[in-house]
PDB file of N, CA and C in Angstrom:
ATOM      1  N   UNK A   1       3.580  -8.094   5.205  1.00  0.00           N
ATOM      2  CA  UNK A   1       2.827  -6.873   5.062  1.00  0.00           C
ATOM      3  C   UNK A   1       3.791  -5.695   4.969  1.00  0.00           C
ATOM      4  N   UNK A   2       3.485  -4.746   4.083  1.00  0.00           N
ATOM      5  CA  UNK A   2       4.321  -3.573   3.900  1.00  0.00           C
ATOM      6  C   UNK A   2       3.424  -2.363   3.656  1.00  0.00           C
ATOM      7  N   UNK A   3       3.682  -1.283   4.374  1.00  0.00           N
ATOM      8  CA  UNK A   3       2.924  -0.054   4.181  1.00  0.00           C
ATOM      9  C   UNK A   3       3.687   0.806   3.169  1.00  0.00           C
ATOM     10  N   UNK A   4       3.044   1.108   2.041  1.00  0.00           N
ATOM     11  CA  UNK A   4       3.684   1.901   0.986  1.00  0.00           C
ATOM     12  C   UNK A   4       3.544   3.394   1.255  1.00  0.00           C
ATOM     13  N   UNK A   5       2.334   3.842   1.598  1.00  0.00           N
ATOM     14  CA  UNK A   5       2.064   5.250   1.909  1.00  0.00           C
ATOM     15  C   UNK A   5       1.187   5.284   3.151  1.00  0.00           C
ATOM     16  N   UNK A   6       1.604   6.050   4.135  1.00  0.00           N
ATOM     17  CA  UNK A   6       0.845   6.120   5.374  1.00  0.00           C
ATOM     18  C   UNK A   6       0.194   7.493   5.496  1.00  0.00           C
ATOM     19  N   UNK A   7      -1.072   7.494   5.909  1.00  0.00           N
ATOM     20  CA  UNK A   7      -1.855   8.719   6.088  1.00  0.00           C
ATOM     21  C   UNK A   7      -1.754   9.608   4.854  1.00  0.00           C
ATOM     22  N   UNK A   8      -2.093   9.041   3.710  1.00  0.00           N
ATOM     23  CA  UNK A   8      -1.934   9.750   2.444  1.00  0.00           C
ATOM     24  C   UNK A   8      -3.274  10.294   1.952  1.00  0.00           C
ATOM     25  N   UNK A   9      -3.185  11.105   0.923  1.00  0.00           N
ATOM     26  CA  UNK A   9      -4.356  11.667   0.281  1.00  0.00           C
ATOM     27  C   UNK A   9      -5.038  10.574  -0.546  1.00  0.00           C
ATOM     28  N   UNK A  10      -6.352  10.586  -0.603  1.00  0.00           N
ATOM     29  CA  UNK A  10      -7.097   9.542  -1.314  1.00  0.00           C
ATOM     30  C   UNK A  10      -6.854   9.605  -2.820  1.00  0.00           C
ATOM     31  N   UNK A  11      -6.371  10.720  -3.352  1.00  0.00           N
ATOM     32  CA  UNK A  11      -6.114  10.822  -4.795  1.00  0.00           C
ATOM     33  C   UNK A  11      -4.954   9.929  -5.223  1.00  0.00           C
ATOM     34  N   UNK A  12      -4.106   9.506  -4.299  1.00  0.00           N
ATOM     35  CA  UNK A  12      -2.990   8.626  -4.642  1.00  0.00           C
ATOM     36  C   UNK A  12      -3.491   7.264  -5.096  1.00  0.00           C
ATOM     37  N   UNK A  13      -4.679   6.863  -4.647  1.00  0.00           N
ATOM     38  CA  UNK A  13      -5.184   5.553  -5.022  1.00  0.00           C
ATOM     39  C   UNK A  13      -5.424   5.427  -6.514  1.00  0.00           C
ATOM     40  N   UNK A  14      -5.614   6.515  -7.211  1.00  0.00           N
ATOM     41  CA  UNK A  14      -5.885   6.488  -8.642  1.00  0.00           C
ATOM     42  C   UNK A  14      -4.629   6.388  -9.485  1.00  0.00           C
ATOM     43  N   UNK A  15      -3.460   6.399  -8.861  1.00  0.00           N
ATOM     44  CA  UNK A  15      -2.216   6.305  -9.620  1.00  0.00           C
ATOM     45  C   UNK A  15      -2.043   4.904 -10.195  1.00  0.00           C
ATOM     46  N   UNK A  16      -1.661   4.844 -11.429  1.00  0.00           N
ATOM     47  CA  UNK A  16      -1.431   3.571 -12.102  1.00  0.00           C
ATOM     48  C   UNK A  16      -0.057   3.000 -11.766  1.00  0.00           C
ATOM     49  N   UNK A  17       0.796   3.761 -11.082  1.00  0.00           N
ATOM     50  CA  UNK A  17       2.146   3.314 -10.766  1.00  0.00           C
ATOM     51  C   UNK A  17       2.221   2.455  -9.512  1.00  0.00           C
ATOM     52  N   UNK A  18       1.097   2.204  -8.865  1.00  0.00           N
ATOM     53  CA  UNK A  18       1.071   1.321  -7.697  1.00  0.00           C
ATOM     54  C   UNK A  18       1.040  -0.133  -8.155  1.00  0.00           C
ATOM     55  N   UNK A  19       1.499  -1.058  -7.318  1.00  0.00           N
ATOM     56  CA  UNK A  19       1.425  -2.474  -7.709  1.00  0.00           C
ATOM     57  C   UNK A  19      -0.019  -2.980  -7.695  1.00  0.00           C
ATOM     58  N   UNK A  20      -0.267  -4.024  -8.469  1.00  0.00           N
ATOM     59  CA  UNK A  20      -1.611  -4.589  -8.562  1.00  0.00           C
ATOM     60  C   UNK A  20      -2.097  -5.203  -7.258  1.00  0.00           C
ATOM     61  N   UNK A  21      -1.177  -5.631  -6.406  1.00  0.00           N
ATOM     62  CA  UNK A  21      -1.585  -6.299  -5.172  1.00  0.00           C
ATOM     63  C   UNK A  21      -1.646  -5.358  -3.965  1.00  0.00           C
ATOM     64  N   UNK A  22      -1.763  -4.057  -4.213  1.00  0.00           N
ATOM     65  CA  UNK A  22      -1.832  -3.110  -3.102  1.00  0.00           C
ATOM     66  C   UNK A  22      -3.289  -2.824  -2.741  1.00  0.00           C
ATOM     67  N   UNK A  23      -3.500  -2.509  -1.484  1.00  0.00           N
ATOM     68  CA  UNK A  23      -4.827  -2.241  -0.947  1.00  0.00           C
ATOM     69  C   UNK A  23      -4.874  -0.848  -0.344  1.00  0.00           C
ATOM     70  N   UNK A  24      -6.069  -0.245  -0.384  1.00  0.00           N
ATOM     71  CA  UNK A  24      -6.343   0.998   0.322  1.00  0.00           C
ATOM     72  C   UNK A  24      -7.044   0.611   1.619  1.00  0.00           C
ATOM     73  N   UNK A  25      -6.480   1.028   2.750  1.00  0.00           N
ATOM     74  CA  UNK A  25      -7.060   0.732   4.051  1.00  0.00           C
ATOM     75  C   UNK A  25      -7.593   2.033   4.624  1.00  0.00           C
ATOM     76  N   UNK A  26      -8.875   2.056   4.931  1.00  0.00           N
ATOM     77  CA  UNK A  26      -9.530   3.224   5.498  1.00  0.00           C
ATOM     78  C   UNK A  26      -9.788   2.938   6.978  1.00  0.00           C
ATOM     79  N   UNK A  27      -9.332   3.828   7.856  1.00  0.00           N
ATOM     80  CA  UNK A  27      -9.496   3.629   9.291  1.00  0.00           C
ATOM     81  C   UNK A  27      -9.661   4.980   9.981  1.00  0.00           C
ATOM     82  N   UNK A  28     -10.106   4.932  11.235  1.00  0.00           N
ATOM     83  CA  UNK A  28     -10.292   6.145  12.026  1.00  0.00           C
ATOM     84  C   UNK A  28      -9.230   6.175  13.112  1.00  0.00           C
ATOM     85  N   UNK A  29      -8.535   7.307  13.189  1.00  0.00           N
ATOM     86  CA  UNK A  29      -7.520   7.516  14.217  1.00  0.00           C
ATOM     87  C   UNK A  29      -7.651   8.958  14.708  1.00  0.00           C
ATOM     88  N   UNK A  30      -7.757   9.153  15.983  1.00  0.00           N
ATOM     89  CA  UNK A  30      -7.936  10.483  16.586  1.00  0.00           C
ATOM     90  C   UNK A  30      -9.156  11.197  15.997  1.00  0.00           C
ATOM     91  N   UNK A  31     -10.232  10.455  15.778  1.00  0.00           N
ATOM     92  CA  UNK A  31     -11.488  10.967  15.219  1.00  0.00           C
ATOM     93  C   UNK A  31     -11.325  11.565  13.830  1.00  0.00           C
ATOM     94  N   UNK A  32     -10.293  11.144  13.103  1.00  0.00           N
ATOM     95  CA  UNK A  32     -10.082  11.547  11.721  1.00  0.00           C
ATOM     96  C   UNK A  32     -10.045  10.319  10.834  1.00  0.00           C
ATOM     97  N   UNK A  33     -10.645  10.422   9.663  1.00  0.00           N
ATOM     98  CA  UNK A  33     -10.630   9.345   8.692  1.00  0.00           C
ATOM     99  C   UNK A  33      -9.301   9.392   7.941  1.00  0.00           C
ATOM    100  N   UNK A  34      -8.534   8.302   7.974  1.00  0.00           N
ATOM    101  CA  UNK A  34      -7.215   8.254   7.352  1.00  0.00           C
ATOM    102  C   UNK A  34      -7.144   7.095   6.366  1.00  0.00           C
ATOM    103  N   UNK A  35      -6.225   7.223   5.395  1.00  0.00           N
ATOM    104  CA  UNK A  35      -6.043   6.217   4.361  1.00  0.00           C
ATOM    105  C   UNK A  35      -4.580   5.812   4.291  1.00  0.00           C
ATOM    106  N   UNK A  36      -4.344   4.520   4.168  1.00  0.00           N
ATOM    107  CA  UNK A  36      -3.002   3.974   3.953  1.00  0.00           C
ATOM    108  C   UNK A  36      -3.039   3.107   2.706  1.00  0.00           C
ATOM    109  N   UNK A  37      -1.916   3.034   2.013  1.00  0.00           N
ATOM    110  CA  UNK A  37      -1.763   2.105   0.902  1.00  0.00           C
ATOM    111  C   UNK A  37      -0.772   1.052   1.353  1.00  0.00           C
ATOM    112  N   UNK A  38      -1.213  -0.205   1.363  1.00  0.00           N
ATOM    113  CA  UNK A  38      -0.408  -1.296   1.909  1.00  0.00           C
ATOM    114  C   UNK A  38      -0.428  -2.497   0.987  1.00  0.00           C
ATOM    115  N   UNK A  39       0.576  -3.362   1.169  1.00  0.00           N
ATOM    116  CA  UNK A  39       0.639  -4.638   0.457  1.00  0.00           C
ATOM    117  C   UNK A  39       0.634  -5.751   1.477  1.00  0.00           C
ATOM    118  N   UNK A  40       0.050  -6.877   1.113  1.00  0.00           N
ATOM    119  CA  UNK A  40      -0.016  -8.031   1.994  1.00  0.00           C
ATOM    120  C   UNK A  40      -1.376  -8.685   1.845  1.00  0.00           C
ATOM    121  N   UNK A  41      -1.593  -9.751   2.605  1.00  0.00           N
ATOM    122  CA  UNK A  41      -2.901 -10.403   2.539  1.00  0.00           C
ATOM    123  C   UNK A  41      -3.913  -9.592   3.343  1.00  0.00           C
ATOM    124  N   UNK A  42      -5.176  -9.732   3.018  1.00  0.00           N
ATOM    125  CA  UNK A  42      -6.224  -8.989   3.698  1.00  0.00           C
ATOM    126  C   UNK A  42      -6.261  -9.347   5.181  1.00  0.00           C
ATOM    127  N   UNK A  43      -6.004 -10.600   5.501  1.00  0.00           N
ATOM    128  CA  UNK A  43      -5.999 -11.028   6.902  1.00  0.00           C
ATOM    129  C   UNK A  43      -4.897 -10.324   7.684  1.00  0.00           C
ATOM    130  N   UNK A  44      -3.691 -10.267   7.111  1.00  0.00           N
ATOM    131  CA  UNK A  44      -2.585  -9.571   7.770  1.00  0.00           C
ATOM    132  C   UNK A  44      -2.888  -8.093   7.951  1.00  0.00           C
ATOM    133  N   UNK A  45      -3.427  -7.463   6.905  1.00  0.00           N
ATOM    134  CA  UNK A  45      -3.747  -6.043   6.977  1.00  0.00           C
ATOM    135  C   UNK A  45      -4.804  -5.767   8.039  1.00  0.00           C
ATOM    136  N   UNK A  46      -5.872  -6.551   8.032  1.00  0.00           N
ATOM    137  CA  UNK A  46      -6.930  -6.334   9.010  1.00  0.00           C
ATOM    138  C   UNK A  46      -6.407  -6.542  10.429  1.00  0.00           C
ATOM    139  N   UNK A  47      -5.654  -7.599  10.647  1.00  0.00           N
ATOM    140  CA  UNK A  47      -5.118  -7.861  11.990  1.00  0.00           C
ATOM    141  C   UNK A  47      -4.244  -6.710  12.471  1.00  0.00           C
ATOM    142  N   UNK A  48      -3.368  -6.225  11.614  1.00  0.00           N
ATOM    143  CA  UNK A  48      -2.472  -5.131  12.002  1.00  0.00           C
ATOM    144  C   UNK A  48      -3.255  -3.862  12.339  1.00  0.00           C
ATOM    145  N   UNK A  49      -4.157  -3.449  11.432  1.00  0.00           N
ATOM    146  CA  UNK A  49      -4.889  -2.205  11.638  1.00  0.00           C
ATOM    147  C   UNK A  49      -5.891  -2.316  12.783  1.00  0.00           C
ATOM    148  N   UNK A  50      -6.489  -3.482  12.965  1.00  0.00           N
ATOM    149  CA  UNK A  50      -7.414  -3.648  14.086  1.00  0.00           C
ATOM    150  C   UNK A  50      -6.659  -3.608  15.407  1.00  0.00           C
ATOM    151  N   UNK A  51      -5.504  -4.264  15.481  1.00  0.00           N
ATOM    152  CA  UNK A  51      -4.715  -4.249  16.711  1.00  0.00           C
ATOM    153  C   UNK A  51      -4.161  -2.857  17.009  1.00  0.00           C
ATOM    154  N   UNK A  52      -3.850  -2.096  15.980  1.00  0.00           N
ATOM    155  CA  UNK A  52      -3.248  -0.780  16.168  1.00  0.00           C
ATOM    156  C   UNK A  52      -4.292   0.314  16.405  1.00  0.00           C
ATOM    157  N   UNK A  53      -5.350   0.357  15.581  1.00  0.00           N
ATOM    158  CA  UNK A  53      -6.299   1.472  15.624  1.00  0.00           C
ATOM    159  C   UNK A  53      -7.695   1.095  16.122  1.00  0.00           C
ATOM    160  N   UNK A  54      -8.063  -0.176  16.108  1.00  0.00           N
ATOM    161  CA  UNK A  54      -9.351  -0.685  16.588  1.00  0.00           C
ATOM    162  C   UNK A  54     -10.573  -0.219  15.797  1.00  0.00           C
ATOM    163  N   UNK A  55     -10.377   0.531  14.726  1.00  0.00           N
ATOM    164  CA  UNK A  55     -11.532   1.031  13.995  1.00  0.00           C
ATOM    165  C   UNK A  55     -11.244   1.028  12.493  1.00  0.00           C
ATOM    166  N   UNK A  56     -11.326  -0.149  11.863  1.00  0.00           N
ATOM    167  CA  UNK A  56     -11.090  -0.295  10.434  1.00  0.00           C
ATOM    168  C   UNK A  56     -12.423  -0.133   9.713  1.00  0.00           C
ATOM    169  N   UNK A  57     -12.472   0.813   8.776  1.00  0.00           N
ATOM    170  CA  UNK A  57     -13.707   1.062   8.028  1.00  0.00           C
ATOM    171  C   UNK A  57     -13.802   0.194   6.778  1.00  0.00           C
ATOM    172  N   UNK A  58     -12.724   0.143   5.983  1.00  0.00           N
ATOM    173  CA  UNK A  58     -12.779  -0.653   4.755  1.00  0.00           C
ATOM    174  C   UNK A  58     -11.367  -0.973   4.272  1.00  0.00           C
ATOM    175  N   UNK A  59     -11.289  -2.049   3.488  1.00  0.00           N
ATOM    176  CA  UNK A  59     -10.056  -2.452   2.817  1.00  0.00           C
ATOM    177  C   UNK A  59     -10.462  -2.814   1.389  1.00  0.00           C
ATOM    178  N   UNK A  60      -9.883  -2.130   0.410  1.00  0.00           N
ATOM    179  CA  UNK A  60     -10.225  -2.419  -0.981  1.00  0.00           C
ATOM    180  C   UNK A  60      -9.005  -2.234  -1.869  1.00  0.00           C
ATOM    181  N   UNK A  61      -9.094  -2.790  -3.091  1.00  0.00           N
ATOM    182  CA  UNK A  61      -7.987  -2.757  -4.040  1.00  0.00           C
ATOM    183  C   UNK A  61      -7.684  -1.337  -4.490  1.00  0.00           C
ATOM    184  N   UNK A  62      -6.401  -1.077  -4.736  1.00  0.00           N
ATOM    185  CA  UNK A  62      -6.026   0.182  -5.377  1.00  0.00           C
ATOM    186  C   UNK A  62      -6.158  -0.003  -6.887  1.00  0.00           C
ATOM    187  N   UNK A  63      -5.944   1.068  -7.629  1.00  0.00           N
ATOM    188  CA  UNK A  63      -6.087   0.994  -9.083  1.00  0.00           C
ATOM    189  C   UNK A  63      -4.740   0.871  -9.788  1.00  0.00           C
ATOM    190  N   UNK A  64      -3.736   0.359  -9.091  1.00  0.00           N
ATOM    191  CA  UNK A  64      -2.414   0.193  -9.668  1.00  0.00           C
ATOM    192  C   UNK A  64      -2.378  -0.900 -10.728  1.00  0.00           C
ATOM    193  N   UNK A  65      -1.466  -0.743 -11.680  1.00  0.00           N
ATOM    194  CA  UNK A  65      -1.354  -1.709 -12.776  1.00  0.00           C
ATOM    195  C   UNK A  65       0.035  -2.305 -12.918  1.00  0.00           C
ATOM    196  N   UNK A  66       0.966  -1.942 -12.053  1.00  0.00           N
ATOM    197  CA  UNK A  66       2.346  -2.412 -12.162  1.00  0.00           C
ATOM    198  C   UNK A  66       2.445  -3.833 -11.606  1.00  0.00           C
ATOM    199  N   UNK A  67       3.202  -4.675 -12.316  1.00  0.00           N
ATOM    200  CA  UNK A  67       3.436  -6.036 -11.851  1.00  0.00           C
ATOM    201  C   UNK A  67       4.142  -5.968 -10.490  1.00  0.00           C
ATOM    202  N   UNK A  68       3.669  -6.702  -9.481  1.00  0.00           N
ATOM    203  CA  UNK A  68       4.278  -6.631  -8.147  1.00  0.00           C
ATOM    204  C   UNK A  68       5.759  -6.981  -8.114  1.00  0.00           C
ATOM    205  N   UNK A  69       6.198  -7.845  -9.010  1.00  0.00           N
ATOM    206  CA  UNK A  69       7.624  -8.199  -9.054  1.00  0.00           C
ATOM    207  C   UNK A  69       8.480  -7.029  -9.517  1.00  0.00           C
ATOM    208  N   UNK A  70       7.917  -6.172 -10.356  1.00  0.00           N
ATOM    209  CA  UNK A  70       8.675  -5.058 -10.914  1.00  0.00           C
ATOM    210  C   UNK A  70       8.539  -3.772 -10.110  1.00  0.00           C
ATOM    211  N   UNK A  71       7.691  -3.760  -9.106  1.00  0.00           N
ATOM    212  CA  UNK A  71       7.519  -2.558  -8.297  1.00  0.00           C
ATOM    213  C   UNK A  71       8.760  -2.345  -7.432  1.00  0.00           C
ATOM    214  N   UNK A  72       9.292  -1.147  -7.430  1.00  0.00           N
ATOM    215  CA  UNK A  72      10.514  -0.786  -6.703  1.00  0.00           C
ATOM    216  C   UNK A  72      11.726  -1.597  -7.146  1.00  0.00           C
ATOM    217  N   UNK A  73      11.736  -2.016  -8.399  1.00  0.00           N
ATOM    218  CA  UNK A  73      12.871  -2.771  -8.917  1.00  0.00           C
ATOM    219  C   UNK A  73      13.982  -1.807  -9.278  1.00  0.00           C
ATOM    220  N   UNK A  74      15.184  -2.096  -8.827  1.00  0.00           N
ATOM    221  CA  UNK A  74      16.345  -1.258  -9.113  1.00  0.00           C
ATOM    222  C   UNK A  74      17.207  -1.983 -10.140  1.00  0.00           C
ATOM    223  N   UNK A  75      17.461  -1.311 -11.255  1.00  0.00           N
ATOM    224  CA  UNK A  75      18.266  -1.938 -12.293  1.00  0.00           C
ATOM    225  C   UNK A  75      19.731  -1.923 -11.891  1.00  0.00           C
ATOM    226  N   UNK A  76      20.457  -2.927 -12.356  1.00  0.00           N
ATOM    227  CA  UNK A  76      21.874  -3.018 -12.057  1.00  0.00           C
ATOM    228  C   UNK A  76      22.649  -2.072 -12.958  1.00  0.00           C
ATOM    229  N   UNK A  77      23.717  -1.526 -12.416  1.00  0.00           N
ATOM    230  CA  UNK A  77      24.578  -0.656 -13.194  1.00  0.00           C
ATOM    231  C   UNK A  77      25.422  -1.491 -14.154  1.00  0.00           C
ATOM    232  N   UNK A  78      25.582  -0.992 -15.352  1.00  0.00           N
ATOM    233  CA  UNK A  78      26.443  -1.677 -16.316  1.00  0.00           C
ATOM    234  C   UNK A  78      27.904  -1.443 -15.930  1.00  0.00           C
ATOM    235  N   UNK A  79      28.624  -2.507 -15.725  1.00  0.00           N
ATOM    236  CA  UNK A  79      30.025  -2.416 -15.336  1.00  0.00           C
ATOM    237  C   UNK A  79      30.867  -2.898 -16.510  1.00  0.00           C
ATOM    238  N   UNK A  80      31.841  -2.087 -16.901  1.00  0.00           N
ATOM    239  CA  UNK A  80      32.711  -2.487 -17.987  1.00  0.00           C
ATOM    240  C   UNK A  80      33.689  -3.529 -17.493  1.00  0.00           C
ATOM    241  N   UNK A  81      33.868  -4.547 -18.293  1.00  0.00           N
ATOM    242  CA  UNK A  81      34.856  -5.574 -17.959  1.00  0.00           C
ATOM    243  C   UNK A  81      36.212  -5.158 -18.494  1.00  0.00           C
ATOM    244  N   UNK A  82      37.227  -5.502 -17.775  1.00  0.00           N
ATOM    245  CA  UNK A  82      38.580  -5.155 -18.193  1.00  0.00           C
ATOM    246  C   UNK A  82      39.132  -6.153 -19.170  1.00  0.00           C
TER     247      UNK A  82
END
């Protein structure tokens, strides 16, 4: 499980630059409705948020379209050979 954005604005969910396997987790903390964008299985996400906050409202897919393998991929620098 990996949290990509914590306590973020709900407009971030509409970004196409998120990976396809990311979820929006809606929960209540300090009587405020908060949103996180996370990756992992639904079981892992629910267990983590339930153990931490005890009040999970919903977990649903984000609208990202990036292949999960290519998300946060760093290209190698071209090194000249001698």
